[in-house]
Amino acid sequence: MAYNDKVTEVIDGDTFKRQSSTKNVRLKNVYAPELGKPGGYAAKRELQRLIDYENVSINETGTTYDRVEAQVNRSRDGLDVNRAMREFLRRT
């Protein structure tokens, strides 16, 4: 099920809050380091750069640890956010 929503806060390099729900969204197949681990803050900054306060399309694929797991695309240009983050993490 795909729907549009607005990002209100990036939590870390693979999780964000959205406007319409208290349930956070985790990017499917993106495994960013935890904050405090090497690369964790860089991953968070990159996800902020990509989607902070942006409208996104969220295609839910399941749930994990009380979060929605999803494929996410930036609404204004269709950017595949999951792929962009995987590529960023491979480079760092």
N, C-alpha and C. Protein backbone atom coordinates (compact mmCIF):
# COMPACT_ATOMS: atom_id res chain seq x y z
N MET A 1 0.83 -1.17 0.00
CA MET A 1 0.00 0.00 0.00
C MET A 1 0.88 1.25 0.00
N ALA A 2 0.80 2.04 -1.02
CA ALA A 2 1.62 3.26 -1.13
C ALA A 2 0.76 4.49 -0.82
N TYR A 3 1.36 5.47 -0.14
CA TYR A 3 0.67 6.71 0.19
C TYR A 3 1.72 7.81 0.36
N ASN A 4 1.26 9.04 0.35
CA ASN A 4 2.16 10.18 0.51
C ASN A 4 2.09 10.70 1.93
N ASP A 5 3.22 11.21 2.40
CA ASP A 5 3.30 11.78 3.74
C ASP A 5 4.46 12.77 3.77
N LYS A 6 4.55 13.53 4.84
CA LYS A 6 5.64 14.50 5.00
C LYS A 6 6.56 14.05 6.12
N VAL A 7 7.86 14.11 5.85
CA VAL A 7 8.88 13.78 6.86
C VAL A 7 8.96 14.93 7.85
N THR A 8 8.88 14.61 9.13
CA THR A 8 8.96 15.65 10.16
C THR A 8 10.28 15.63 10.93
N GLU A 9 10.94 14.47 10.94
CA GLU A 9 12.22 14.36 11.64
C GLU A 9 12.95 13.11 11.19
N VAL A 10 14.24 13.25 10.94
CA VAL A 10 15.10 12.10 10.67
C VAL A 10 15.69 11.65 12.00
N ILE A 11 15.48 10.38 12.34
CA ILE A 11 15.94 9.82 13.62
C ILE A 11 17.39 9.39 13.52
N ASP A 12 17.71 8.65 12.46
CA ASP A 12 19.07 8.17 12.21
C ASP A 12 19.20 7.90 10.72
N GLY A 13 20.17 7.13 10.31
CA GLY A 13 20.43 6.93 8.88
C GLY A 13 19.47 6.02 8.16
N ASP A 14 18.51 5.41 8.86
CA ASP A 14 17.54 4.57 8.17
C ASP A 14 16.12 4.66 8.73
N THR A 15 15.86 5.66 9.59
CA THR A 15 14.54 5.79 10.21
C THR A 15 14.13 7.25 10.30
N PHE A 16 12.83 7.52 10.08
CA PHE A 16 12.33 8.88 10.19
C PHE A 16 10.91 8.91 10.73
N LYS A 17 10.52 10.10 11.22
CA LYS A 17 9.15 10.34 11.68
C LYS A 17 8.39 11.00 10.55
N ARG A 18 7.06 10.81 10.57
CA ARG A 18 6.21 11.39 9.53
C ARG A 18 5.03 12.11 10.16
N GLN A 19 4.40 12.94 9.35
CA GLN A 19 3.35 13.81 9.85
C GLN A 19 2.08 13.07 10.27
N SER A 20 1.69 12.05 9.53
CA SER A 20 0.36 11.46 9.73
C SER A 20 0.29 10.36 10.79
N SER A 21 1.40 9.96 11.38
CA SER A 21 1.38 8.83 12.31
C SER A 21 2.50 8.94 13.33
N THR A 22 2.27 8.34 14.48
CA THR A 22 3.32 8.28 15.49
C THR A 22 4.26 7.11 15.24
N LYS A 23 3.89 6.22 14.33
CA LYS A 23 4.73 5.06 14.01
C LYS A 23 5.84 5.51 13.04
N ASN A 24 7.09 5.29 13.42
CA ASN A 24 8.22 5.68 12.58
C ASN A 24 8.33 4.78 11.35
N VAL A 25 9.06 5.27 10.35
CA VAL A 25 9.29 4.53 9.12
C VAL A 25 10.76 4.16 9.04
N ARG A 26 11.04 2.89 8.76
CA ARG A 26 12.40 2.40 8.56
C ARG A 26 12.56 2.05 7.08
N LEU A 27 13.65 2.50 6.49
CA LEU A 27 13.93 2.20 5.08
C LEU A 27 14.25 0.72 4.91
N LYS A 28 13.51 0.04 4.06
CA LYS A 28 13.73 -1.38 3.82
C LYS A 28 15.10 -1.62 3.17
N ASN A 29 15.80 -2.63 3.67
CA ASN A 29 17.11 -3.04 3.14
C ASN A 29 18.18 -1.96 3.23
N VAL A 30 18.04 -1.06 4.18
CA VAL A 30 19.07 -0.05 4.46
C VAL A 30 19.54 -0.31 5.88
N TYR A 31 20.84 -0.50 6.04
CA TYR A 31 21.40 -0.86 7.34
C TYR A 31 22.47 0.16 7.73
N ALA A 32 22.01 1.32 8.16
CA ALA A 32 22.92 2.39 8.57
C ALA A 32 23.48 2.08 9.95
N PRO A 33 24.71 2.51 10.22
CA PRO A 33 25.27 2.33 11.56
C PRO A 33 24.45 3.11 12.59
N GLU A 34 24.42 2.61 13.80
CA GLU A 34 23.72 3.30 14.88
C GLU A 34 24.46 4.60 15.21
N LEU A 35 23.70 5.57 15.71
CA LEU A 35 24.33 6.82 16.14
C LEU A 35 25.35 6.50 17.23
N GLY A 36 26.50 7.14 17.18
CA GLY A 36 27.57 6.84 18.13
C GLY A 36 28.57 5.83 17.59
N LYS A 37 28.19 5.11 16.54
CA LYS A 37 29.11 4.17 15.87
C LYS A 37 29.73 4.90 14.68
N PRO A 38 30.90 4.45 14.20
CA PRO A 38 31.51 5.11 13.04
C PRO A 38 30.54 5.15 11.85
N GLY A 39 30.34 6.33 11.31
CA GLY A 39 29.47 6.52 10.15
C GLY A 39 28.01 6.78 10.50
N GLY A 40 27.63 6.63 11.75
CA GLY A 40 26.23 6.80 12.14
C GLY A 40 25.71 8.21 11.94
N TYR A 41 26.47 9.20 12.38
CA TYR A 41 26.02 10.59 12.23
C TYR A 41 26.10 11.04 10.77
N ALA A 42 27.08 10.55 10.04
CA ALA A 42 27.17 10.89 8.62
C ALA A 42 25.95 10.35 7.86
N ALA A 43 25.52 9.14 8.20
CA ALA A 43 24.34 8.55 7.56
C ALA A 43 23.09 9.37 7.90
N LYS A 44 22.97 9.79 9.15
CA LYS A 44 21.82 10.62 9.53
C LYS A 44 21.81 11.93 8.75
N ARG A 45 22.97 12.58 8.64
CA ARG A 45 23.05 13.84 7.90
C ARG A 45 22.67 13.65 6.44
N GLU A 46 23.09 12.53 5.85
CA GLU A 46 22.76 12.26 4.45
C GLU A 46 21.26 12.05 4.27
N LEU A 47 20.63 11.30 5.16
CA LEU A 47 19.18 11.11 5.06
C LEU A 47 18.45 12.44 5.29
N GLN A 48 18.95 13.26 6.19
CA GLN A 48 18.36 14.60 6.37
C GLN A 48 18.46 15.40 5.08
N ARG A 49 19.62 15.35 4.46
CA ARG A 49 19.81 16.09 3.21
C ARG A 49 18.82 15.64 2.14
N LEU A 50 18.54 14.35 2.11
CA LEU A 50 17.66 13.79 1.08
C LEU A 50 16.17 14.06 1.34
N ILE A 51 15.72 13.93 2.61
CA ILE A 51 14.26 13.93 2.82
C ILE A 51 13.75 14.79 3.97
N ASP A 52 14.59 15.45 4.75
CA ASP A 52 14.09 16.20 5.90
C ASP A 52 13.06 17.24 5.44
N TYR A 53 11.86 17.19 6.00
CA TYR A 53 10.74 18.09 5.71
C TYR A 53 10.25 17.99 4.26
N GLU A 54 10.56 16.89 3.61
CA GLU A 54 10.11 16.64 2.23
C GLU A 54 8.84 15.81 2.25
N ASN A 55 8.06 15.92 1.18
CA ASN A 55 6.96 15.00 0.94
C ASN A 55 7.55 13.75 0.30
N VAL A 56 7.11 12.60 0.77
CA VAL A 56 7.61 11.33 0.25
C VAL A 56 6.45 10.38 -0.02
N SER A 57 6.71 9.43 -0.90
CA SER A 57 5.79 8.33 -1.16
C SER A 57 6.30 7.13 -0.36
N ILE A 58 5.43 6.55 0.44
CA ILE A 58 5.80 5.44 1.32
C ILE A 58 5.04 4.19 0.87
N ASN A 59 5.79 3.16 0.52
CA ASN A 59 5.19 1.88 0.14
C ASN A 59 5.55 0.87 1.23
N GLU A 60 4.61 0.63 2.14
CA GLU A 60 4.86 -0.25 3.28
C GLU A 60 5.08 -1.69 2.82
N THR A 61 6.09 -2.32 3.43
CA THR A 61 6.39 -3.72 3.11
C THR A 61 6.30 -4.62 4.33
N GLY A 62 6.11 -4.03 5.51
CA GLY A 62 6.02 -4.82 6.73
C GLY A 62 6.25 -3.95 7.94
N THR A 63 6.45 -4.59 9.09
CA THR A 63 6.77 -3.87 10.32
C THR A 63 7.96 -4.54 10.99
N THR A 64 8.73 -3.76 11.71
CA THR A 64 9.86 -4.26 12.46
C THR A 64 10.06 -3.38 13.69
N TYR A 65 10.12 -3.98 14.88
CA TYR A 65 10.31 -3.24 16.13
C TYR A 65 9.36 -2.05 16.24
N ASP A 66 8.09 -2.27 15.98
CA ASP A 66 7.05 -1.24 16.08
C ASP A 66 7.28 -0.07 15.12
N ARG A 67 7.99 -0.33 14.04
CA ARG A 67 8.16 0.67 12.98
C ARG A 67 7.62 0.08 11.69
N VAL A 68 7.17 0.94 10.81
CA VAL A 68 6.79 0.52 9.47
C VAL A 68 8.06 0.37 8.66
N GLU A 69 8.21 -0.73 7.95
CA GLU A 69 9.33 -0.90 7.03
C GLU A 69 8.80 -0.58 5.63
N ALA A 70 9.56 0.21 4.85
CA ALA A 70 9.00 0.69 3.59
C ALA A 70 10.05 1.03 2.55
N GLN A 71 9.59 1.01 1.31
CA GLN A 71 10.31 1.59 0.18
C GLN A 71 9.84 3.03 0.12
N VAL A 72 10.78 3.97 0.05
CA VAL A 72 10.44 5.40 0.11
C VAL A 72 11.01 6.11 -1.11
N ASN A 73 10.16 6.94 -1.71
CA ASN A 73 10.59 7.77 -2.84
C ASN A 73 10.26 9.23 -2.52
N ARG A 74 11.18 10.12 -2.89
CA ARG A 74 10.93 11.55 -2.69
C ARG A 74 9.90 12.00 -3.72
N SER A 75 8.86 12.68 -3.28
CA SER A 75 7.74 13.02 -4.16
C SER A 75 8.11 13.99 -5.27
N ARG A 76 8.95 14.98 -4.99
CA ARG A 76 9.19 16.02 -5.99
C ARG A 76 9.92 15.53 -7.24
N ASP A 77 10.70 14.46 -7.11
CA ASP A 77 11.45 14.00 -8.28
C ASP A 77 11.52 12.48 -8.42
N GLY A 78 10.87 11.76 -7.51
CA GLY A 78 10.84 10.30 -7.60
C GLY A 78 12.10 9.60 -7.12
N LEU A 79 13.03 10.34 -6.52
CA LEU A 79 14.28 9.73 -6.05
C LEU A 79 14.00 8.51 -5.18
N ASP A 80 14.65 7.40 -5.49
CA ASP A 80 14.57 6.18 -4.68
C ASP A 80 15.47 6.39 -3.46
N VAL A 81 14.88 6.73 -2.34
CA VAL A 81 15.64 7.07 -1.14
C VAL A 81 16.38 5.86 -0.60
N ASN A 82 15.76 4.70 -0.65
CA ASN A 82 16.42 3.48 -0.17
C ASN A 82 17.70 3.22 -0.95
N ARG A 83 17.61 3.31 -2.26
CA ARG A 83 18.79 3.07 -3.11
C ARG A 83 19.86 4.14 -2.86
N ALA A 84 19.44 5.39 -2.75
CA ALA A 84 20.40 6.47 -2.51
C ALA A 84 21.16 6.25 -1.20
N MET A 85 20.46 5.81 -0.17
CA MET A 85 21.13 5.56 1.11
C MET A 85 22.04 4.33 1.04
N ARG A 86 21.62 3.28 0.35
CA ARG A 86 22.50 2.11 0.20
C ARG A 86 23.78 2.51 -0.53
N GLU A 87 23.66 3.31 -1.58
CA GLU A 87 24.85 3.77 -2.31
C GLU A 87 25.73 4.64 -1.44
N PHE A 88 25.13 5.53 -0.66
CA PHE A 88 25.90 6.37 0.26
C PHE A 88 26.66 5.50 1.25
N LEU A 89 26.00 4.53 1.83
CA LEU A 89 26.64 3.67 2.83
C LEU A 89 27.76 2.82 2.24
N ARG A 90 27.64 2.43 0.98
CA ARG A 90 28.72 1.69 0.33
C ARG A 90 29.96 2.56 0.14
N ARG A 91 29.75 3.86 -0.07
CA ARG A 91 30.88 4.78 -0.31
C ARG A 91 31.57 5.19 0.98
N THR A 92 30.92 5.01 2.14
CA THR A 92 31.51 5.52 3.38
C THR A 92 32.17 4.40 4.17
